[in-house]
Amino acid sequence: MTGTVTVTVGTSPTAGDAVTTNPPKFTLQENGAITLKFLGIPGRIYQIQRSTDMSEWATIASVTANGTGAITFTDDNPPQPNAFYRLALP
């Protein structure tokens, strides 16, 4: 499968002029799934949210960072033609 993944990473609108030094990484799998990897705080729970219009967001998973802070999540059935993702703290 051939596809294009566009990732735009930015800080929270309330973060001021903060610079994102730990951007999440997205990979388009051959089967169309999207894999998201990022580093967080070990043991902390993060929500992965998805939207098709960047207006309404739905939590599609709650994941816990492992002992090194690593998190990997795969969205096996992302909506077509667009899916937008964000991370949130519960």
N, C-alpha and C. Protein backbone atom coordinates (compact mmCIF):
# COMPACT_ATOMS: atom_id res chain seq x y z
N MET A 1 0.84 -1.18 0.00
CA MET A 1 0.00 0.00 0.00
C MET A 1 0.88 1.24 0.00
N THR A 2 0.52 2.20 -0.79
CA THR A 2 1.23 3.46 -0.84
C THR A 2 0.33 4.52 -0.26
N GLY A 3 0.90 5.38 0.56
CA GLY A 3 0.09 6.42 1.16
C GLY A 3 0.95 7.56 1.64
N THR A 4 0.31 8.59 2.08
CA THR A 4 0.99 9.76 2.59
C THR A 4 0.52 10.02 4.00
N VAL A 5 1.46 10.28 4.87
CA VAL A 5 1.14 10.67 6.24
C VAL A 5 1.73 12.04 6.46
N THR A 6 0.92 12.99 6.85
CA THR A 6 1.39 14.32 7.18
C THR A 6 1.23 14.51 8.68
N VAL A 7 2.31 14.89 9.34
CA VAL A 7 2.28 15.08 10.78
C VAL A 7 2.62 16.53 11.08
N THR A 8 1.76 17.20 11.80
CA THR A 8 2.03 18.54 12.26
C THR A 8 2.08 18.49 13.77
N VAL A 9 3.21 18.85 14.33
CA VAL A 9 3.41 18.79 15.77
C VAL A 9 3.55 20.21 16.29
N GLY A 10 2.79 20.52 17.30
CA GLY A 10 2.88 21.84 17.90
C GLY A 10 2.63 21.75 19.38
N THR A 11 2.84 22.85 20.03
CA THR A 11 2.61 22.90 21.46
C THR A 11 1.17 23.28 21.73
N SER A 12 0.77 23.10 22.95
CA SER A 12 -0.56 23.50 23.38
C SER A 12 -0.69 25.01 23.22
N PRO A 13 -1.88 25.49 22.85
CA PRO A 13 -2.06 26.94 22.73
C PRO A 13 -1.77 27.67 24.03
N THR A 14 -1.84 26.98 25.16
CA THR A 14 -1.58 27.62 26.44
C THR A 14 -0.13 27.48 26.87
N ALA A 15 0.71 26.87 26.02
CA ALA A 15 2.10 26.64 26.40
C ALA A 15 3.00 27.83 26.08
N GLY A 16 2.45 28.88 25.52
CA GLY A 16 3.27 30.05 25.20
C GLY A 16 4.19 29.74 24.04
N ASP A 17 5.44 30.12 24.19
CA ASP A 17 6.43 29.93 23.13
C ASP A 17 7.25 28.67 23.34
N ALA A 18 6.73 27.70 24.04
CA ALA A 18 7.47 26.47 24.31
C ALA A 18 7.80 25.75 23.00
N VAL A 19 8.92 25.07 22.98
CA VAL A 19 9.35 24.32 21.81
C VAL A 19 9.15 22.84 22.07
N THR A 20 8.58 22.13 21.10
CA THR A 20 8.37 20.70 21.23
C THR A 20 9.67 19.99 20.90
N THR A 21 10.30 19.36 21.89
CA THR A 21 11.55 18.65 21.65
C THR A 21 11.35 17.15 21.67
N ASN A 22 10.13 16.72 21.91
CA ASN A 22 9.82 15.30 21.99
C ASN A 22 8.58 15.01 21.13
N PRO A 23 8.69 15.23 19.81
CA PRO A 23 7.50 15.03 18.99
C PRO A 23 7.14 13.55 18.85
N PRO A 24 5.85 13.25 18.78
CA PRO A 24 5.44 11.86 18.51
C PRO A 24 5.84 11.47 17.10
N LYS A 25 6.02 10.18 16.89
CA LYS A 25 6.38 9.66 15.58
C LYS A 25 5.23 8.80 15.06
N PHE A 26 4.84 9.03 13.82
CA PHE A 26 3.76 8.30 13.19
C PHE A 26 4.31 7.47 12.04
N THR A 27 3.80 6.24 11.91
CA THR A 27 4.20 5.37 10.81
C THR A 27 2.96 4.79 10.16
N LEU A 28 2.89 4.89 8.85
CA LEU A 28 1.80 4.28 8.10
C LEU A 28 2.20 2.84 7.80
N GLN A 29 1.43 1.89 8.28
CA GLN A 29 1.71 0.47 8.07
C GLN A 29 1.19 0.04 6.69
N GLU A 30 1.70 -1.06 6.18
CA GLU A 30 1.28 -1.56 4.87
C GLU A 30 -0.21 -1.87 4.81
N ASN A 31 -0.81 -2.25 5.94
CA ASN A 31 -2.23 -2.60 5.97
C ASN A 31 -3.13 -1.38 6.18
N GLY A 32 -2.54 -0.17 6.20
CA GLY A 32 -3.31 1.06 6.37
C GLY A 32 -3.40 1.54 7.80
N ALA A 33 -2.94 0.74 8.75
CA ALA A 33 -2.95 1.15 10.17
C ALA A 33 -1.93 2.26 10.39
N ILE A 34 -2.15 3.05 11.42
CA ILE A 34 -1.23 4.11 11.83
C ILE A 34 -0.66 3.74 13.19
N THR A 35 0.68 3.73 13.29
CA THR A 35 1.33 3.46 14.57
C THR A 35 1.92 4.76 15.10
N LEU A 36 1.63 5.05 16.35
CA LEU A 36 2.09 6.25 17.04
C LEU A 36 3.06 5.82 18.13
N LYS A 37 4.23 6.46 18.17
CA LYS A 37 5.21 6.21 19.25
C LYS A 37 5.60 7.54 19.86
N PHE A 38 5.68 7.56 21.19
CA PHE A 38 6.17 8.76 21.86
C PHE A 38 6.73 8.40 23.22
N LEU A 39 7.45 9.35 23.79
CA LEU A 39 8.00 9.18 25.13
C LEU A 39 7.23 10.06 26.09
N GLY A 40 6.85 9.48 27.21
CA GLY A 40 6.15 10.22 28.23
C GLY A 40 6.83 10.02 29.57
N ILE A 41 6.09 10.21 30.61
CA ILE A 41 6.59 10.02 31.97
C ILE A 41 6.27 8.59 32.39
N PRO A 42 7.27 7.81 32.81
CA PRO A 42 7.02 6.42 33.19
C PRO A 42 5.85 6.29 34.17
N GLY A 43 4.94 5.37 33.86
CA GLY A 43 3.80 5.11 34.74
C GLY A 43 2.61 6.04 34.54
N ARG A 44 2.78 7.11 33.80
CA ARG A 44 1.69 8.07 33.60
C ARG A 44 0.74 7.56 32.51
N ILE A 45 -0.54 7.83 32.69
CA ILE A 45 -1.57 7.44 31.72
C ILE A 45 -1.80 8.60 30.77
N TYR A 46 -1.86 8.28 29.48
CA TYR A 46 -2.13 9.27 28.44
C TYR A 46 -3.34 8.82 27.64
N GLN A 47 -4.13 9.79 27.21
CA GLN A 47 -5.25 9.51 26.32
C GLN A 47 -4.80 9.80 24.89
N ILE A 48 -5.16 8.93 23.97
CA ILE A 48 -4.94 9.18 22.56
C ILE A 48 -6.29 9.54 21.98
N GLN A 49 -6.35 10.72 21.39
CA GLN A 49 -7.60 11.22 20.85
C GLN A 49 -7.49 11.35 19.34
N ARG A 50 -8.63 11.17 18.66
CA ARG A 50 -8.65 11.22 17.20
C ARG A 50 -9.83 12.08 16.75
N SER A 51 -9.61 12.76 15.61
CA SER A 51 -10.65 13.59 15.01
C SER A 51 -10.55 13.48 13.50
N THR A 52 -11.66 13.73 12.83
CA THR A 52 -11.64 13.80 11.37
C THR A 52 -11.72 15.24 10.89
N ASP A 53 -12.00 16.18 11.83
CA ASP A 53 -12.17 17.58 11.44
C ASP A 53 -11.42 18.57 12.35
N MET A 54 -10.69 18.06 13.31
CA MET A 54 -9.95 18.87 14.29
C MET A 54 -10.85 19.78 15.12
N SER A 55 -12.15 19.49 15.11
CA SER A 55 -13.10 20.25 15.90
C SER A 55 -13.66 19.38 17.03
N GLU A 56 -14.09 18.18 16.67
CA GLU A 56 -14.61 17.24 17.65
C GLU A 56 -13.60 16.11 17.82
N TRP A 57 -13.25 15.82 19.07
CA TRP A 57 -12.22 14.82 19.39
C TRP A 57 -12.84 13.70 20.21
N ALA A 58 -12.40 12.47 19.94
CA ALA A 58 -12.86 11.30 20.70
C ALA A 58 -11.63 10.58 21.24
N THR A 59 -11.71 10.16 22.50
CA THR A 59 -10.64 9.35 23.07
C THR A 59 -10.78 7.94 22.54
N ILE A 60 -9.73 7.45 21.88
CA ILE A 60 -9.79 6.10 21.29
C ILE A 60 -8.97 5.11 22.09
N ALA A 61 -8.15 5.60 23.03
CA ALA A 61 -7.36 4.69 23.87
C ALA A 61 -6.80 5.45 25.06
N SER A 62 -6.60 4.74 26.14
CA SER A 62 -5.84 5.22 27.30
C SER A 62 -4.67 4.27 27.45
N VAL A 63 -3.47 4.82 27.44
CA VAL A 63 -2.27 4.00 27.48
C VAL A 63 -1.37 4.47 28.61
N THR A 64 -0.62 3.54 29.18
CA THR A 64 0.29 3.84 30.27
C THR A 64 1.72 3.71 29.78
N ALA A 65 2.52 4.74 30.03
CA ALA A 65 3.93 4.71 29.64
C ALA A 65 4.66 3.63 30.43
N ASN A 66 5.53 2.89 29.74
CA ASN A 66 6.27 1.82 30.43
C ASN A 66 7.37 2.42 31.32
N GLY A 67 8.23 1.59 31.85
CA GLY A 67 9.26 2.02 32.79
C GLY A 67 10.26 3.01 32.24
N THR A 68 10.41 3.05 30.92
CA THR A 68 11.31 4.03 30.30
C THR A 68 10.54 5.21 29.72
N GLY A 69 9.22 5.18 29.85
CA GLY A 69 8.37 6.25 29.33
C GLY A 69 7.88 6.01 27.92
N ALA A 70 8.29 4.90 27.30
CA ALA A 70 7.91 4.63 25.92
C ALA A 70 6.46 4.18 25.81
N ILE A 71 5.81 4.67 24.76
CA ILE A 71 4.45 4.27 24.45
C ILE A 71 4.35 4.00 22.96
N THR A 72 3.71 2.89 22.62
CA THR A 72 3.41 2.57 21.22
C THR A 72 1.94 2.23 21.15
N PHE A 73 1.25 2.86 20.19
CA PHE A 73 -0.17 2.60 19.99
C PHE A 73 -0.42 2.47 18.49
N THR A 74 -1.23 1.49 18.10
CA THR A 74 -1.58 1.32 16.70
C THR A 74 -3.08 1.49 16.53
N ASP A 75 -3.45 2.40 15.63
CA ASP A 75 -4.84 2.58 15.24
C ASP A 75 -5.05 1.69 14.02
N ASP A 76 -5.69 0.54 14.23
CA ASP A 76 -5.84 -0.46 13.17
C ASP A 76 -6.82 -0.06 12.08
N ASN A 77 -7.70 0.89 12.37
CA ASN A 77 -8.73 1.25 11.40
C ASN A 77 -8.95 2.76 11.39
N PRO A 78 -7.94 3.53 10.96
CA PRO A 78 -8.11 4.99 10.95
C PRO A 78 -9.14 5.42 9.91
N PRO A 79 -9.91 6.46 10.21
CA PRO A 79 -10.91 6.92 9.24
C PRO A 79 -10.23 7.48 7.99
N GLN A 80 -10.93 7.35 6.86
CA GLN A 80 -10.41 7.84 5.59
C GLN A 80 -11.23 9.04 5.15
N PRO A 81 -10.72 10.04 4.51
CA PRO A 81 -9.34 10.13 4.04
C PRO A 81 -8.40 10.78 5.05
N ASN A 82 -8.94 11.34 6.16
CA ASN A 82 -8.10 12.05 7.12
C ASN A 82 -8.34 11.57 8.53
N ALA A 83 -7.26 11.55 9.30
CA ALA A 83 -7.35 11.32 10.73
C ALA A 83 -6.32 12.22 11.39
N PHE A 84 -6.74 12.90 12.44
CA PHE A 84 -5.85 13.77 13.20
C PHE A 84 -5.77 13.18 14.60
N TYR A 85 -4.59 13.26 15.21
CA TYR A 85 -4.37 12.67 16.53
C TYR A 85 -3.80 13.72 17.47
N ARG A 86 -4.13 13.54 18.75
CA ARG A 86 -3.51 14.35 19.78
C ARG A 86 -3.40 13.53 21.04
N LEU A 87 -2.52 13.95 21.93
CA LEU A 87 -2.31 13.29 23.22
C LEU A 87 -2.86 14.19 24.30
N ALA A 88 -3.46 13.59 25.32
CA ALA A 88 -4.03 14.36 26.41
C ALA A 88 -3.82 13.62 27.71
N LEU A 89 -3.80 14.36 28.79
CA LEU A 89 -3.76 13.76 30.13
C LEU A 89 -5.19 13.64 30.63
N PRO A 90 -5.53 12.49 31.22
CA PRO A 90 -6.90 12.34 31.71
C PRO A 90 -7.19 13.27 32.88
